[in-house]
Amino acid sequence: MKRINTPLTKSEIERLKVGEEILLSGIIYTARDQVHKRLVEAINKNKKTPIDLKGQIIYYCGPTPAPRGKIIGSCGPTTSSRMDEFTPALLKKGVLAMIGKGRRFGQVIQAIKKYKAVYFLTYAGCGALLSKYVKKNESVAYKDLGPEAIYKLEVRDFPLIVGIDTRGRSIYD
């Protein structure tokens, strides 16, 4: 397994290859459907987004509330294709990587290639296990969305697989 840390660099992610196993440490941000919609609306209106998207990793996740004594509840990935209509605009604004589950389609794969981004997969159905890799958790934007707000997570050795590399090669092909 390859270990990488945030912030990621373009040259670092360009060296990643489809199917490669990764242990990620650093900062990632959660975002699901409604957050994506709001971010793209802000972008389309030339408004500032609540987090700087440049160089960020977006995790398609809506964590459950933290049980007593825990940092976070279950935090598994949601189906990535639900974000497909919003993804090209976020990549254009500088998002370097996404984490989720499932296949991505045409316009997203083209945008990944165009903007030299990467799509990571993580283990579905293992949200409780994945929570053990989260070392800090802070709600940072769109708090009215509850678990679907933007959370800033600090992770250590978060397990990933390169699902689509910067050349557009997909693990599903």
N, C-alpha and C. Protein backbone atom coordinates (compact mmCIF):
# COMPACT_ATOMS: atom_id res chain seq x y z
N MET A 1 0.84 -1.18 0.00
CA MET A 1 0.00 0.00 0.00
C MET A 1 0.88 1.24 0.00
N LYS A 2 0.41 2.23 -0.73
CA LYS A 2 1.13 3.50 -0.81
C LYS A 2 0.52 4.47 0.20
N ARG A 3 1.34 5.17 0.93
CA ARG A 3 0.87 6.19 1.88
C ARG A 3 0.99 7.56 1.23
N ILE A 4 -0.10 8.33 1.31
CA ILE A 4 -0.07 9.71 0.83
C ILE A 4 -0.71 10.62 1.88
N ASN A 5 -0.31 11.88 1.85
CA ASN A 5 -0.80 12.87 2.81
C ASN A 5 -1.38 14.06 2.07
N THR A 6 -2.34 14.70 2.73
CA THR A 6 -2.87 15.96 2.20
C THR A 6 -2.01 17.08 2.77
N PRO A 7 -1.93 18.19 2.06
CA PRO A 7 -2.59 18.46 0.78
C PRO A 7 -1.92 17.70 -0.36
N LEU A 8 -2.74 17.19 -1.25
CA LEU A 8 -2.23 16.49 -2.43
C LEU A 8 -1.69 17.50 -3.43
N THR A 9 -0.78 17.04 -4.27
CA THR A 9 -0.29 17.88 -5.36
C THR A 9 -0.66 17.22 -6.67
N LYS A 10 -0.73 18.01 -7.73
CA LYS A 10 -1.03 17.47 -9.06
C LYS A 10 -0.01 16.41 -9.45
N SER A 11 1.27 16.69 -9.22
CA SER A 11 2.29 15.71 -9.64
C SER A 11 2.15 14.41 -8.86
N GLU A 12 1.76 14.50 -7.61
CA GLU A 12 1.58 13.30 -6.79
C GLU A 12 0.41 12.44 -7.30
N ILE A 13 -0.72 13.07 -7.60
CA ILE A 13 -1.86 12.26 -8.04
C ILE A 13 -1.68 11.77 -9.47
N GLU A 14 -0.88 12.46 -10.27
CA GLU A 14 -0.62 11.99 -11.63
C GLU A 14 0.19 10.69 -11.63
N ARG A 15 0.88 10.41 -10.53
CA ARG A 15 1.65 9.17 -10.43
C ARG A 15 0.80 7.98 -9.97
N LEU A 16 -0.41 8.25 -9.50
CA LEU A 16 -1.28 7.16 -9.03
C LEU A 16 -1.83 6.38 -10.21
N LYS A 17 -1.99 5.09 -10.02
CA LYS A 17 -2.48 4.22 -11.08
C LYS A 17 -3.76 3.52 -10.64
N VAL A 18 -4.66 3.34 -11.59
CA VAL A 18 -5.93 2.67 -11.31
C VAL A 18 -5.67 1.33 -10.63
N GLY A 19 -6.44 1.05 -9.58
CA GLY A 19 -6.31 -0.20 -8.83
C GLY A 19 -5.33 -0.15 -7.68
N GLU A 20 -4.52 0.90 -7.62
CA GLU A 20 -3.52 1.02 -6.56
C GLU A 20 -4.22 1.24 -5.20
N GLU A 21 -3.69 0.56 -4.17
CA GLU A 21 -4.23 0.72 -2.82
C GLU A 21 -3.46 1.82 -2.10
N ILE A 22 -4.22 2.67 -1.39
CA ILE A 22 -3.68 3.88 -0.78
C ILE A 22 -4.09 3.93 0.69
N LEU A 23 -3.22 4.48 1.53
CA LEU A 23 -3.56 4.87 2.90
C LEU A 23 -3.39 6.38 2.96
N LEU A 24 -4.50 7.09 3.14
CA LEU A 24 -4.51 8.56 3.11
C LEU A 24 -4.54 9.12 4.52
N SER A 25 -3.69 10.12 4.76
CA SER A 25 -3.70 10.85 6.03
C SER A 25 -3.79 12.33 5.73
N GLY A 26 -4.57 13.04 6.56
CA GLY A 26 -4.71 14.48 6.40
C GLY A 26 -6.16 14.90 6.46
N ILE A 27 -6.48 15.99 5.75
CA ILE A 27 -7.81 16.60 5.80
C ILE A 27 -8.61 16.23 4.56
N ILE A 28 -9.86 15.83 4.78
CA ILE A 28 -10.83 15.63 3.71
C ILE A 28 -12.13 16.29 4.14
N TYR A 29 -13.00 16.60 3.19
CA TYR A 29 -14.29 17.23 3.48
C TYR A 29 -15.42 16.33 2.98
N THR A 30 -16.45 16.17 3.82
CA THR A 30 -17.61 15.41 3.39
C THR A 30 -18.55 16.30 2.60
N ALA A 31 -19.24 15.72 1.63
CA ALA A 31 -20.26 16.46 0.86
C ALA A 31 -21.13 15.44 0.13
N ARG A 32 -22.44 15.62 0.28
CA ARG A 32 -23.39 14.77 -0.43
C ARG A 32 -24.21 15.64 -1.37
N ASP A 33 -25.32 15.12 -1.83
CA ASP A 33 -26.14 15.72 -2.88
C ASP A 33 -26.48 17.20 -2.65
N GLN A 34 -27.08 17.51 -1.50
CA GLN A 34 -27.52 18.89 -1.28
C GLN A 34 -26.35 19.86 -1.17
N VAL A 35 -25.26 19.43 -0.59
CA VAL A 35 -24.07 20.28 -0.53
C VAL A 35 -23.54 20.54 -1.94
N HIS A 36 -23.49 19.50 -2.76
CA HIS A 36 -23.04 19.68 -4.14
C HIS A 36 -23.91 20.68 -4.87
N LYS A 37 -25.21 20.56 -4.70
CA LYS A 37 -26.14 21.49 -5.35
C LYS A 37 -25.86 22.92 -4.90
N ARG A 38 -25.69 23.13 -3.61
CA ARG A 38 -25.43 24.48 -3.09
C ARG A 38 -24.08 25.02 -3.56
N LEU A 39 -23.07 24.18 -3.57
CA LEU A 39 -21.75 24.63 -4.02
C LEU A 39 -21.80 25.07 -5.49
N VAL A 40 -22.44 24.28 -6.32
CA VAL A 40 -22.51 24.62 -7.75
C VAL A 40 -23.37 25.86 -7.97
N GLU A 41 -24.43 26.02 -7.19
CA GLU A 41 -25.23 27.25 -7.29
C GLU A 41 -24.38 28.46 -6.95
N ALA A 42 -23.56 28.36 -5.90
CA ALA A 42 -22.67 29.47 -5.52
C ALA A 42 -21.67 29.74 -6.64
N ILE A 43 -21.09 28.70 -7.20
CA ILE A 43 -20.13 28.86 -8.29
C ILE A 43 -20.79 29.54 -9.48
N ASN A 44 -21.98 29.09 -9.84
CA ASN A 44 -22.69 29.66 -11.00
C ASN A 44 -23.08 31.12 -10.80
N LYS A 45 -23.23 31.55 -9.54
CA LYS A 45 -23.57 32.95 -9.23
C LYS A 45 -22.33 33.76 -8.89
N ASN A 46 -21.14 33.18 -9.14
CA ASN A 46 -19.85 33.83 -8.83
C ASN A 46 -19.74 34.24 -7.37
N LYS A 47 -20.33 33.43 -6.48
CA LYS A 47 -20.23 33.68 -5.05
C LYS A 47 -19.13 32.80 -4.46
N LYS A 48 -18.63 33.22 -3.32
CA LYS A 48 -17.59 32.46 -2.63
C LYS A 48 -18.22 31.20 -2.02
N THR A 49 -17.53 30.09 -2.15
CA THR A 49 -17.99 28.86 -1.52
C THR A 49 -17.52 28.85 -0.06
N PRO A 50 -18.23 28.12 0.81
CA PRO A 50 -17.89 28.16 2.25
C PRO A 50 -16.54 27.50 2.59
N ILE A 51 -16.02 26.70 1.69
CA ILE A 51 -14.66 26.17 1.85
C ILE A 51 -13.93 26.43 0.54
N ASP A 52 -12.64 26.61 0.63
CA ASP A 52 -11.82 26.77 -0.57
C ASP A 52 -11.71 25.40 -1.22
N LEU A 53 -12.20 25.24 -2.42
CA LEU A 53 -12.23 23.95 -3.10
C LEU A 53 -10.89 23.56 -3.71
N LYS A 54 -10.03 24.53 -3.91
CA LYS A 54 -8.75 24.26 -4.60
C LYS A 54 -7.90 23.27 -3.80
N GLY A 55 -7.57 22.17 -4.48
CA GLY A 55 -6.71 21.16 -3.89
C GLY A 55 -7.37 20.21 -2.90
N GLN A 56 -8.69 20.32 -2.75
CA GLN A 56 -9.38 19.53 -1.74
C GLN A 56 -9.77 18.13 -2.20
N ILE A 57 -10.05 17.29 -1.20
CA ILE A 57 -10.61 15.96 -1.41
C ILE A 57 -12.02 15.98 -0.84
N ILE A 58 -12.99 15.61 -1.67
CA ILE A 58 -14.38 15.55 -1.25
C ILE A 58 -14.77 14.09 -1.05
N TYR A 59 -15.28 13.79 0.15
CA TYR A 59 -15.72 12.44 0.49
C TYR A 59 -17.24 12.41 0.46
N TYR A 60 -17.81 11.59 -0.40
CA TYR A 60 -19.25 11.47 -0.53
C TYR A 60 -19.78 10.66 0.65
N CYS A 61 -20.07 11.38 1.72
CA CYS A 61 -20.40 10.75 2.99
C CYS A 61 -21.28 11.68 3.82
N GLY A 62 -22.23 11.11 4.52
CA GLY A 62 -23.03 11.83 5.51
C GLY A 62 -22.90 11.08 6.82
N PRO A 63 -21.92 11.43 7.64
CA PRO A 63 -21.67 10.64 8.85
C PRO A 63 -22.84 10.67 9.83
N THR A 64 -22.98 9.58 10.56
CA THR A 64 -24.00 9.54 11.61
C THR A 64 -23.44 10.23 12.85
N PRO A 65 -24.33 10.65 13.77
CA PRO A 65 -23.85 11.29 15.00
C PRO A 65 -22.88 10.39 15.76
N ALA A 66 -21.94 11.03 16.43
CA ALA A 66 -20.93 10.29 17.18
C ALA A 66 -21.54 9.67 18.44
N PRO A 67 -21.34 8.39 18.64
CA PRO A 67 -21.75 7.78 19.91
C PRO A 67 -20.91 8.35 21.05
N ARG A 68 -21.39 8.23 22.26
CA ARG A 68 -20.67 8.75 23.43
C ARG A 68 -19.24 8.22 23.43
N GLY A 69 -18.30 9.15 23.57
CA GLY A 69 -16.89 8.79 23.65
C GLY A 69 -16.21 8.58 22.31
N LYS A 70 -16.92 8.77 21.22
CA LYS A 70 -16.35 8.57 19.88
C LYS A 70 -16.21 9.91 19.17
N ILE A 71 -15.36 9.96 18.15
CA ILE A 71 -15.13 11.17 17.36
C ILE A 71 -16.23 11.36 16.32
N ILE A 72 -16.70 10.25 15.77
CA ILE A 72 -17.68 10.28 14.68
C ILE A 72 -18.45 8.96 14.71
N GLY A 73 -19.65 8.98 14.15
CA GLY A 73 -20.39 7.74 13.99
C GLY A 73 -19.97 7.05 12.71
N SER A 74 -20.82 6.17 12.24
CA SER A 74 -20.55 5.47 10.99
C SER A 74 -20.35 6.48 9.87
N CYS A 75 -19.35 6.25 9.03
CA CYS A 75 -19.03 7.23 7.98
C CYS A 75 -18.60 6.53 6.70
N GLY A 76 -19.50 5.73 6.17
CA GLY A 76 -19.22 5.03 4.93
C GLY A 76 -19.57 5.88 3.71
N PRO A 77 -19.10 5.46 2.54
CA PRO A 77 -19.33 6.22 1.32
C PRO A 77 -20.75 6.05 0.79
N THR A 78 -21.23 7.07 0.10
CA THR A 78 -22.51 6.97 -0.59
C THR A 78 -22.23 6.81 -2.09
N THR A 79 -23.26 6.48 -2.84
CA THR A 79 -23.13 6.23 -4.27
C THR A 79 -22.70 7.50 -5.01
N SER A 80 -21.56 7.43 -5.65
CA SER A 80 -20.92 8.59 -6.27
C SER A 80 -21.67 9.14 -7.46
N SER A 81 -22.32 8.28 -8.24
CA SER A 81 -22.96 8.75 -9.47
C SER A 81 -24.06 9.77 -9.19
N ARG A 82 -24.56 9.83 -7.96
CA ARG A 82 -25.56 10.84 -7.61
C ARG A 82 -24.98 12.25 -7.68
N MET A 83 -23.66 12.37 -7.61
CA MET A 83 -23.00 13.67 -7.67
C MET A 83 -22.50 14.01 -9.07
N ASP A 84 -22.70 13.12 -10.03
CA ASP A 84 -22.12 13.29 -11.36
C ASP A 84 -22.47 14.62 -12.03
N GLU A 85 -23.72 15.08 -11.90
CA GLU A 85 -24.09 16.32 -12.59
C GLU A 85 -23.35 17.54 -12.04
N PHE A 86 -22.86 17.46 -10.81
CA PHE A 86 -22.18 18.58 -10.17
C PHE A 86 -20.66 18.49 -10.24
N THR A 87 -20.14 17.30 -10.46
CA THR A 87 -18.71 17.04 -10.34
C THR A 87 -17.84 17.87 -11.29
N PRO A 88 -18.18 17.98 -12.59
CA PRO A 88 -17.29 18.77 -13.46
C PRO A 88 -17.08 20.21 -12.97
N ALA A 89 -18.11 20.85 -12.46
CA ALA A 89 -17.97 22.23 -11.98
C ALA A 89 -17.04 22.30 -10.77
N LEU A 90 -17.10 21.30 -9.89
CA LEU A 90 -16.23 21.30 -8.71
C LEU A 90 -14.78 21.00 -9.09
N LEU A 91 -14.59 20.11 -10.05
CA LEU A 91 -13.23 19.84 -10.52
C LEU A 91 -12.64 21.09 -11.19
N LYS A 92 -13.45 21.79 -11.94
CA LYS A 92 -13.00 23.04 -12.58
C LYS A 92 -12.55 24.06 -11.53
N LYS A 93 -13.21 24.06 -10.37
CA LYS A 93 -12.86 24.99 -9.29
C LYS A 93 -11.67 24.51 -8.47
N GLY A 94 -11.12 23.35 -8.81
CA GLY A 94 -9.88 22.94 -8.17
C GLY A 94 -9.91 21.71 -7.30
N VAL A 95 -11.08 21.07 -7.11
CA VAL A 95 -11.11 19.83 -6.35
C VAL A 95 -10.17 18.84 -7.04
N LEU A 96 -9.28 18.21 -6.28
CA LEU A 96 -8.31 17.28 -6.86
C LEU A 96 -8.72 15.82 -6.76
N ALA A 97 -9.56 15.51 -5.78
CA ALA A 97 -9.91 14.10 -5.60
C ALA A 97 -11.29 13.97 -4.97
N MET A 98 -11.90 12.83 -5.25
CA MET A 98 -13.21 12.48 -4.69
C MET A 98 -13.09 11.07 -4.13
N ILE A 99 -13.86 10.80 -3.07
CA ILE A 99 -13.91 9.47 -2.47
C ILE A 99 -15.37 9.04 -2.45
N GLY A 100 -15.64 7.83 -2.91
CA GLY A 100 -17.01 7.34 -2.87
C GLY A 100 -17.07 5.86 -3.15
N LYS A 101 -18.22 5.45 -3.69
CA LYS A 101 -18.37 4.06 -4.11
C LYS A 101 -19.11 4.03 -5.43
N GLY A 102 -18.77 3.06 -6.23
CA GLY A 102 -19.47 2.85 -7.49
C GLY A 102 -18.82 3.53 -8.68
N ARG A 103 -19.35 3.17 -9.82
CA ARG A 103 -18.82 3.61 -11.11
C ARG A 103 -19.17 5.08 -11.37
N ARG A 104 -18.34 5.75 -12.19
CA ARG A 104 -18.60 7.12 -12.65
C ARG A 104 -18.80 7.05 -14.15
N PHE A 105 -19.47 8.07 -14.70
CA PHE A 105 -19.87 8.01 -16.10
C PHE A 105 -19.27 9.15 -16.92
N GLY A 106 -19.46 9.07 -18.24
CA GLY A 106 -18.95 9.93 -19.29
C GLY A 106 -18.39 11.28 -18.92
N GLN A 107 -19.28 12.24 -18.59
CA GLN A 107 -18.82 13.61 -18.36
C GLN A 107 -17.89 13.71 -17.16
N VAL A 108 -18.07 12.85 -16.16
CA VAL A 108 -17.19 12.88 -15.00
C VAL A 108 -15.82 12.34 -15.37
N ILE A 109 -15.78 11.24 -16.09
CA ILE A 109 -14.49 10.68 -16.50
C ILE A 109 -13.74 11.68 -17.38
N GLN A 110 -14.45 12.34 -18.28
CA GLN A 110 -13.81 13.35 -19.13
C GLN A 110 -13.26 14.51 -18.29
N ALA A 111 -14.03 14.94 -17.28
CA ALA A 111 -13.58 16.03 -16.40
C ALA A 111 -12.39 15.61 -15.55
N ILE A 112 -12.38 14.36 -15.10
CA ILE A 112 -11.24 13.86 -14.33
C ILE A 112 -9.97 13.95 -15.19
N LYS A 113 -10.07 13.53 -16.44
CA LYS A 113 -8.92 13.62 -17.35
C LYS A 113 -8.54 15.07 -17.61
N LYS A 114 -9.52 15.90 -17.91
CA LYS A 114 -9.26 17.31 -18.26
C LYS A 114 -8.57 18.06 -17.11
N TYR A 115 -9.06 17.86 -15.88
CA TYR A 115 -8.55 18.62 -14.75
C TYR A 115 -7.50 17.85 -13.94
N LYS A 116 -7.10 16.68 -14.45
CA LYS A 116 -6.06 15.86 -13.81
C LYS A 116 -6.41 15.59 -12.34
N ALA A 117 -7.60 15.06 -12.13
CA ALA A 117 -8.08 14.71 -10.79
C ALA A 117 -8.04 13.19 -10.65
N VAL A 118 -8.47 12.72 -9.49
CA VAL A 118 -8.51 11.28 -9.24
C VAL A 118 -9.78 10.95 -8.45
N TYR A 119 -10.31 9.77 -8.72
CA TYR A 119 -11.47 9.26 -8.00
C TYR A 119 -11.05 8.04 -7.21
N PHE A 120 -11.22 8.14 -5.89
CA PHE A 120 -10.88 7.03 -5.00
C PHE A 120 -12.15 6.29 -4.60
N LEU A 121 -12.00 5.01 -4.40
CA LEU A 121 -13.06 4.18 -3.83
C LEU A 121 -12.66 3.84 -2.40
N THR A 122 -13.66 3.70 -1.54
CA THR A 122 -13.41 3.12 -0.22
C THR A 122 -14.47 2.07 0.03
N TYR A 123 -14.31 1.36 1.08
CA TYR A 123 -15.08 0.16 1.32
C TYR A 123 -16.53 0.46 1.72
N ALA A 124 -17.47 0.02 0.89
CA ALA A 124 -18.89 0.19 1.16
C ALA A 124 -19.33 -0.82 2.21
N GLY A 125 -20.32 -0.43 3.01
CA GLY A 125 -20.84 -1.33 4.02
C GLY A 125 -19.96 -1.43 5.25
N CYS A 126 -18.94 -0.59 5.33
CA CYS A 126 -17.98 -0.65 6.43
C CYS A 126 -17.87 0.69 7.16
N GLY A 127 -18.97 1.43 7.24
CA GLY A 127 -18.93 2.76 7.84
C GLY A 127 -18.43 2.79 9.26
N ALA A 128 -18.80 1.78 10.06
CA ALA A 128 -18.33 1.74 11.45
C ALA A 128 -16.82 1.51 11.49
N LEU A 129 -16.32 0.64 10.62
CA LEU A 129 -14.87 0.40 10.55
C LEU A 129 -14.15 1.66 10.08
N LEU A 130 -14.66 2.32 9.04
CA LEU A 130 -14.01 3.53 8.52
C LEU A 130 -13.94 4.64 9.56
N SER A 131 -14.89 4.69 10.48
CA SER A 131 -14.88 5.73 11.52
C SER A 131 -13.63 5.66 12.38
N LYS A 132 -13.01 4.50 12.47
CA LYS A 132 -11.81 4.33 13.30
C LYS A 132 -10.60 5.08 12.72
N TYR A 133 -10.67 5.45 11.45
CA TYR A 133 -9.57 6.17 10.81
C TYR A 133 -9.74 7.69 10.92
N VAL A 134 -10.86 8.14 11.47
CA VAL A 134 -11.13 9.57 11.62
C VAL A 134 -10.63 10.01 13.00
N LYS A 135 -9.70 10.96 12.99
CA LYS A 135 -9.08 11.42 14.23
C LYS A 135 -9.66 12.73 14.74
N LYS A 136 -10.24 13.53 13.85
CA LYS A 136 -10.93 14.77 14.23
C LYS A 136 -12.11 14.96 13.29
N ASN A 137 -13.15 15.61 13.80
CA ASN A 137 -14.38 15.81 13.05
C ASN A 137 -14.97 17.17 13.45
N GLU A 138 -15.22 18.00 12.44
CA GLU A 138 -15.77 19.33 12.72
C GLU A 138 -16.76 19.71 11.61
N SER A 139 -17.97 20.11 12.01
CA SER A 139 -18.94 20.62 11.05
C SER A 139 -18.52 22.03 10.68
N VAL A 140 -18.36 22.30 9.34
CA VAL A 140 -17.81 23.59 8.94
C VAL A 140 -18.73 24.42 8.05
N ALA A 141 -19.76 23.84 7.46
CA ALA A 141 -20.63 24.62 6.58
C ALA A 141 -21.95 23.88 6.34
N TYR A 142 -22.97 24.68 6.03
CA TYR A 142 -24.31 24.16 5.74
C TYR A 142 -24.82 23.28 6.87
N LYS A 143 -24.65 23.77 8.09
CA LYS A 143 -25.01 23.00 9.28
C LYS A 143 -26.51 22.67 9.33
N ASP A 144 -27.31 23.46 8.61
CA ASP A 144 -28.75 23.18 8.57
C ASP A 144 -29.06 21.83 7.92
N LEU A 145 -28.10 21.25 7.22
CA LEU A 145 -28.30 19.95 6.57
C LEU A 145 -28.02 18.77 7.50
N GLY A 146 -27.69 19.05 8.75
CA GLY A 146 -27.46 17.97 9.72
C GLY A 146 -26.31 17.07 9.29
N PRO A 147 -26.54 15.75 9.22
CA PRO A 147 -25.46 14.84 8.85
C PRO A 147 -24.94 15.06 7.43
N GLU A 148 -25.72 15.77 6.62
CA GLU A 148 -25.28 16.02 5.24
C GLU A 148 -24.58 17.37 5.09
N ALA A 149 -24.27 18.03 6.21
CA ALA A 149 -23.49 19.27 6.19
C ALA A 149 -22.07 18.94 5.69
N ILE A 150 -21.27 19.98 5.51
CA ILE A 150 -19.85 19.75 5.20
C ILE A 150 -19.12 19.55 6.52
N TYR A 151 -18.45 18.42 6.63
CA TYR A 151 -17.62 18.12 7.78
C TYR A 151 -16.17 18.09 7.34
N LYS A 152 -15.33 18.67 8.15
CA LYS A 152 -13.88 18.61 7.95
C LYS A 152 -13.38 17.45 8.80
N LEU A 153 -12.84 16.44 8.13
CA LEU A 153 -12.34 15.27 8.83
C LEU A 153 -10.82 15.22 8.73
N GLU A 154 -10.20 14.93 9.84
CA GLU A 154 -8.78 14.61 9.81
C GLU A 154 -8.69 13.09 9.91
N VAL A 155 -8.07 12.49 8.90
CA VAL A 155 -7.99 11.02 8.85
C VAL A 155 -6.54 10.57 8.92
N ARG A 156 -6.36 9.33 9.40
CA ARG A 156 -5.03 8.73 9.42
C ARG A 156 -5.13 7.33 8.84
N ASP A 157 -4.36 7.09 7.78
CA ASP A 157 -4.32 5.79 7.11
C ASP A 157 -5.71 5.33 6.63
N PHE A 158 -6.48 6.27 6.11
CA PHE A 158 -7.82 5.98 5.59
C PHE A 158 -7.64 5.13 4.32
N PRO A 159 -8.25 3.93 4.27
CA PRO A 159 -8.00 3.01 3.15
C PRO A 159 -8.78 3.39 1.89
N LEU A 160 -8.05 3.47 0.78
CA LEU A 160 -8.63 3.85 -0.51
C LEU A 160 -8.08 2.95 -1.61
N ILE A 161 -8.80 2.94 -2.72
CA ILE A 161 -8.34 2.30 -3.96
C ILE A 161 -8.52 3.33 -5.06
N VAL A 162 -7.54 3.48 -5.94
CA VAL A 162 -7.68 4.39 -7.07
C VAL A 162 -8.71 3.78 -8.03
N GLY A 163 -9.88 4.40 -8.11
CA GLY A 163 -10.95 3.91 -8.97
C GLY A 163 -10.84 4.43 -10.39
N ILE A 164 -10.46 5.72 -10.53
CA ILE A 164 -10.20 6.33 -11.84
C ILE A 164 -8.98 7.21 -11.67
N ASP A 165 -7.98 6.97 -12.49
CA ASP A 165 -6.75 7.77 -12.38
C ASP A 165 -6.85 9.00 -13.27
N THR A 166 -5.82 9.83 -13.25
CA THR A 166 -5.83 11.10 -13.98
C THR A 166 -5.91 10.93 -15.49
N ARG A 167 -5.63 9.74 -15.97
CA ARG A 167 -5.71 9.45 -17.42
C ARG A 167 -7.10 8.95 -17.81
N GLY A 168 -7.99 8.81 -16.82
CA GLY A 168 -9.34 8.36 -17.11
C GLY A 168 -9.52 6.85 -17.14
N ARG A 169 -8.47 6.14 -16.72
CA ARG A 169 -8.58 4.68 -16.67
C ARG A 169 -9.39 4.29 -15.43
N SER A 170 -10.38 3.42 -15.63
CA SER A 170 -11.32 3.05 -14.58
C SER A 170 -11.14 1.61 -14.15
N ILE A 171 -11.24 1.37 -12.87
CA ILE A 171 -11.17 0.02 -12.32
C ILE A 171 -12.34 -0.82 -12.82
N TYR A 172 -13.41 -0.18 -13.26
CA TYR A 172 -14.60 -0.88 -13.73
C TYR A 172 -14.48 -1.35 -15.18
N ASP A 173 -13.44 -0.92 -15.88
CA ASP A 173 -13.27 -1.32 -17.29
C ASP A 173 -12.49 -2.61 -17.40
